[in-house]
Amino acid sequence: MRFNITDNVIVRALNKICDMVCLNVLWLICCIPVVTIGASTTALYTVMLKLVKNEEGYILRGFFKAFRSNFRQSTVIWLIILALGLVCWIDYRVAGMMPGTAGFVMRSIFILLGFFLLAVMIYVFPLIARYENSIRATFQNAMLLAVGRLPYTFVMVAVTVGAVIASLWNTVTLMFAIPLWLLIGGALVAWLNSYILRRVFTIFEVDDADKDSTKEEG
């Protein structure tokens, strides 16, 4: 009986970690121009959604192929989200200057809007990575999923926001967090979210399967 080292659980785990480190570095480098954050995040999720299904391919080739093919749509959507986020943040700051109950109510409204915008952003780039749709349809699907899959939405927002808050908690955590984010942080968050997104996206895959079976019966 011959022992195959590639079947070892530890070796497979180390290979997965190396893939995630490579993905994280690629993602960070491609995010540097800022305007390319959307395309870079879409490319990250394109590869990561395959990794969580154990469909590993060529990390570098898969990332840059997705980056190029989704660049225009991802960039337009990112710039829209960025503009809406800036408007929401400015309005929140203005509401903070309002005294009494009115100020509290307005701040609460903008916090909810900010939560919803973040939820849409969490869904929108994986949707681009997984499905071919127009910009409008992608936004609509992201908004529907953010509300229709609210428990999953809360978990993914908590994972994303929690990682950032934990990193910025104090100077000590920030010193530990900076090298972690540079090494694997973004890919780790995408990995955790991708496991949840696999369950969320079943609604589309079931619908597609039903349509295919209906066509075959017809």
Protein backbone atom coordinates (compact mmCIF):
# COMPACT_ATOMS: atom_id res chain seq x y z
CA MET A 1 0.00 0.00 0.00
CA ARG A 2 1.47 3.31 -1.10
CA PHE A 3 0.93 6.50 0.84
CA ASN A 4 0.00 9.55 -1.24
CA ILE A 5 1.15 12.70 0.54
CA THR A 6 -1.26 14.85 -1.50
CA ASP A 7 -4.18 13.07 0.22
CA ASN A 8 -3.01 14.24 3.63
CA VAL A 9 -5.49 16.61 5.31
CA ILE A 10 -2.71 18.88 6.54
CA VAL A 11 -1.18 19.16 3.06
CA ARG A 12 -4.56 20.00 1.52
CA ALA A 13 -5.15 22.62 4.21
CA LEU A 14 -1.73 24.17 3.59
CA ASN A 15 -2.40 24.24 -0.15
CA LYS A 16 -5.70 25.99 0.50
CA ILE A 17 -4.01 28.55 2.74
CA CYS A 18 -1.34 29.21 0.10
CA ASP A 19 -4.06 29.75 -2.51
CA MET A 20 -5.80 32.21 -0.21
CA VAL A 21 -2.59 34.12 0.47
CA CYS A 22 -1.93 34.40 -3.28
CA LEU A 23 -5.51 35.57 -3.85
CA ASN A 24 -5.25 38.13 -1.07
CA VAL A 25 -2.04 39.61 -2.50
CA LEU A 26 -3.54 39.78 -6.00
CA TRP A 27 -6.69 41.40 -4.62
CA LEU A 28 -4.77 44.03 -2.67
CA ILE A 29 -2.47 44.91 -5.58
CA CYS A 30 -5.41 45.29 -7.97
CA CYS A 31 -7.29 47.42 -5.41
CA ILE A 32 -4.49 50.00 -5.18
CA PRO A 33 -5.87 52.35 -7.90
CA VAL A 34 -9.14 52.47 -5.83
CA VAL A 35 -11.28 52.72 -8.97
CA THR A 36 -10.49 49.04 -9.64
CA ILE A 37 -11.72 47.79 -6.25
CA GLY A 38 -14.95 46.50 -7.79
CA ALA A 39 -13.22 44.53 -10.54
CA SER A 40 -10.64 43.18 -8.08
CA THR A 41 -13.32 42.05 -5.61
CA THR A 42 -15.31 40.39 -8.39
CA ALA A 43 -12.19 38.51 -9.49
CA LEU A 44 -11.55 37.49 -5.87
CA TYR A 45 -15.04 36.02 -5.53
CA THR A 46 -14.86 34.36 -8.96
CA VAL A 47 -11.96 32.24 -7.75
CA MET A 48 -13.11 31.93 -4.13
CA LEU A 49 -16.56 30.58 -5.00
CA LYS A 50 -14.77 27.80 -6.87
CA LEU A 51 -12.33 27.19 -4.02
CA VAL A 52 -15.11 26.58 -1.50
CA LYS A 53 -16.59 24.01 -3.90
CA ASN A 54 -13.18 22.35 -4.28
CA GLU A 55 -13.03 23.36 -7.93
CA GLU A 56 -9.52 24.79 -7.76
CA GLY A 57 -7.92 25.83 -11.00
CA TYR A 58 -5.09 28.17 -11.86
CA ILE A 59 -5.37 30.97 -9.28
CA LEU A 60 -3.41 33.61 -11.20
CA ARG A 61 -4.99 32.88 -14.58
CA GLY A 62 -8.51 32.63 -13.14
CA PHE A 63 -8.17 35.88 -11.22
CA PHE A 64 -6.94 38.00 -14.11
CA LYS A 65 -9.37 36.43 -16.58
CA ALA A 66 -12.27 37.41 -14.29
CA PHE A 67 -10.71 40.83 -13.66
CA ARG A 68 -10.58 41.61 -17.39
CA SER A 69 -13.93 40.13 -18.39
CA ASN A 70 -15.89 41.86 -15.59
CA PHE A 71 -13.90 45.09 -15.43
CA ARG A 72 -16.43 47.48 -16.99
CA GLN A 73 -19.52 46.25 -15.16
CA SER A 74 -17.75 45.88 -11.81
CA THR A 75 -16.18 49.34 -12.06
CA VAL A 76 -19.46 51.06 -12.92
CA ILE A 77 -21.22 49.33 -10.03
CA TRP A 78 -18.38 50.11 -7.63
CA LEU A 79 -18.43 53.80 -8.53
CA ILE A 80 -22.21 53.93 -8.02
CA ILE A 81 -21.91 52.27 -4.61
CA LEU A 82 -19.01 54.54 -3.66
CA ALA A 83 -20.99 57.67 -4.61
CA LEU A 84 -24.06 56.47 -2.66
CA GLY A 85 -21.86 55.64 0.33
CA LEU A 86 -20.32 59.12 0.34
CA VAL A 87 -23.77 60.74 0.12
CA CYS A 88 -25.03 58.56 2.98
CA TRP A 89 -21.98 59.38 5.15
CA ILE A 90 -22.27 63.14 4.50
CA ASP A 91 -26.00 63.08 5.30
CA TYR A 92 -25.26 61.16 8.50
CA ARG A 93 -22.74 63.79 9.57
CA VAL A 94 -25.20 66.58 8.80
CA ALA A 95 -27.91 64.75 10.78
CA GLY A 96 -25.47 64.58 13.69
CA MET A 97 -25.61 68.37 13.91
CA MET A 98 -29.39 68.32 14.35
CA PRO A 99 -30.48 68.56 18.00
CA GLY A 100 -32.90 66.36 19.88
CA THR A 101 -35.15 63.60 18.57
CA ALA A 102 -35.00 64.76 14.97
CA GLY A 103 -31.25 64.29 14.86
CA PHE A 104 -31.50 60.83 16.46
CA VAL A 105 -34.19 59.71 14.01
CA MET A 106 -32.27 60.98 10.98
CA ARG A 107 -29.04 59.33 12.13
CA SER A 108 -30.89 56.06 12.67
CA ILE A 109 -32.33 56.25 9.15
CA PHE A 110 -28.91 56.80 7.61
CA ILE A 111 -27.41 53.96 9.66
CA LEU A 112 -30.09 51.63 8.26
CA LEU A 113 -29.43 52.92 4.75
CA GLY A 114 -25.72 52.36 5.27
CA PHE A 115 -26.38 48.80 6.46
CA PHE A 116 -28.54 48.11 3.40
CA LEU A 117 -25.93 49.59 1.04
CA LEU A 118 -23.20 47.45 2.63
CA ALA A 119 -25.43 44.37 2.32
CA VAL A 120 -26.03 45.10 -1.37
CA MET A 121 -22.29 45.55 -1.91
CA ILE A 122 -21.58 42.19 -0.24
CA TYR A 123 -23.96 40.47 -2.67
CA VAL A 124 -23.36 42.44 -5.85
CA PHE A 125 -19.76 41.46 -6.67
CA PRO A 126 -20.28 37.72 -6.07
CA LEU A 127 -23.37 37.98 -8.29
CA ILE A 128 -21.25 39.48 -11.08
CA ALA A 129 -18.69 36.72 -10.50
CA ARG A 130 -21.29 33.95 -10.66
CA TYR A 131 -23.93 35.12 -13.16
CA GLU A 132 -24.19 37.14 -16.35
CA ASN A 133 -26.67 39.98 -15.96
CA SER A 134 -27.09 43.65 -16.75
CA ILE A 135 -26.05 46.24 -14.18
CA ARG A 136 -29.68 46.95 -13.35
CA ALA A 137 -30.57 43.27 -12.94
CA THR A 138 -27.49 42.68 -10.78
CA PHE A 139 -28.49 45.52 -8.44
CA GLN A 140 -32.07 44.23 -8.30
CA ASN A 141 -30.94 40.70 -7.45
CA ALA A 142 -28.55 42.02 -4.79
CA MET A 143 -31.31 44.06 -3.16
CA LEU A 144 -33.76 41.16 -3.28
CA LEU A 145 -31.23 38.81 -1.71
CA ALA A 146 -30.26 41.36 0.97
CA VAL A 147 -33.89 41.44 2.12
CA GLY A 148 -35.09 37.96 1.14
CA ARG A 149 -32.12 36.20 2.77
CA LEU A 150 -31.92 38.52 5.77
CA PRO A 151 -30.42 36.01 8.27
CA TYR A 152 -27.58 35.24 5.86
CA THR A 153 -27.23 38.95 5.17
CA PHE A 154 -26.82 39.71 8.88
CA VAL A 155 -24.15 37.02 9.22
CA MET A 156 -22.11 38.27 6.23
CA VAL A 157 -22.37 41.89 7.32
CA ALA A 158 -21.32 40.84 10.82
CA VAL A 159 -18.33 38.93 9.44
CA THR A 160 -17.23 41.87 7.27
CA VAL A 161 -17.86 44.67 9.76
CA GLY A 162 -16.69 42.60 12.71
CA ALA A 163 -13.32 41.96 11.06
CA VAL A 164 -12.84 45.69 10.46
CA ILE A 165 -13.98 46.75 13.95
CA ALA A 166 -11.78 44.10 15.60
CA SER A 167 -8.82 45.35 13.57
CA LEU A 168 -9.40 48.98 14.58
CA TRP A 169 -10.34 48.25 18.21
CA ASN A 170 -7.10 49.67 19.62
CA THR A 171 -3.47 50.19 18.71
CA VAL A 172 -2.47 46.66 19.72
CA THR A 173 -5.13 44.95 17.60
CA LEU A 174 -4.30 47.27 14.71
CA MET A 175 -0.63 46.27 14.84
CA PHE A 176 -1.62 42.60 14.66
CA ALA A 177 -4.30 43.23 12.04
CA ILE A 178 -2.20 45.11 9.48
CA PRO A 179 0.11 42.18 8.60
CA LEU A 180 -2.87 39.81 8.76
CA TRP A 181 -4.84 41.91 6.25
CA LEU A 182 -1.78 42.20 4.02
CA LEU A 183 -1.30 38.44 4.11
CA ILE A 184 -4.73 36.81 4.11
CA GLY A 185 -7.41 39.02 5.72
CA GLY A 186 -9.46 39.99 2.66
CA ALA A 187 -9.36 36.48 1.21
CA LEU A 188 -10.38 35.01 4.59
CA VAL A 189 -13.46 37.25 4.79
CA ALA A 190 -14.34 36.35 1.18
CA TRP A 191 -13.84 32.66 2.00
CA LEU A 192 -16.25 32.80 4.95
CA ASN A 193 -18.82 34.76 2.95
CA SER A 194 -18.46 32.39 -0.01
CA TYR A 195 -19.58 29.43 2.12
CA ILE A 196 -22.73 31.36 2.99
CA LEU A 197 -23.22 32.56 -0.59
CA ARG A 198 -23.20 28.95 -1.82
CA ARG A 199 -26.41 28.40 0.16
CA VAL A 200 -27.89 31.76 -0.85
CA PHE A 201 -27.31 31.20 -4.57
CA THR A 202 -29.16 27.88 -4.54
CA ILE A 203 -32.36 29.88 -5.16
CA PHE A 204 -31.06 30.77 -8.63
CA GLU A 205 -29.67 27.32 -9.35
CA VAL A 206 -32.95 25.63 -8.37
CA ASP A 207 -34.88 28.01 -10.61
CA ASP A 208 -32.50 27.28 -13.50
CA ALA A 209 -32.85 23.54 -12.94
CA ASP A 210 -36.65 23.83 -12.93
CA LYS A 211 -36.59 25.80 -16.16
CA ASP A 212 -34.31 23.24 -17.81
CA SER A 213 -36.54 20.34 -16.74
CA THR A 214 -39.62 22.21 -18.00
CA LYS A 215 -37.95 22.75 -21.37
CA GLU A 216 -37.07 19.06 -21.59
CA GLU A 217 -40.65 18.04 -20.80
CA GLY A 218 -41.94 20.51 -23.41
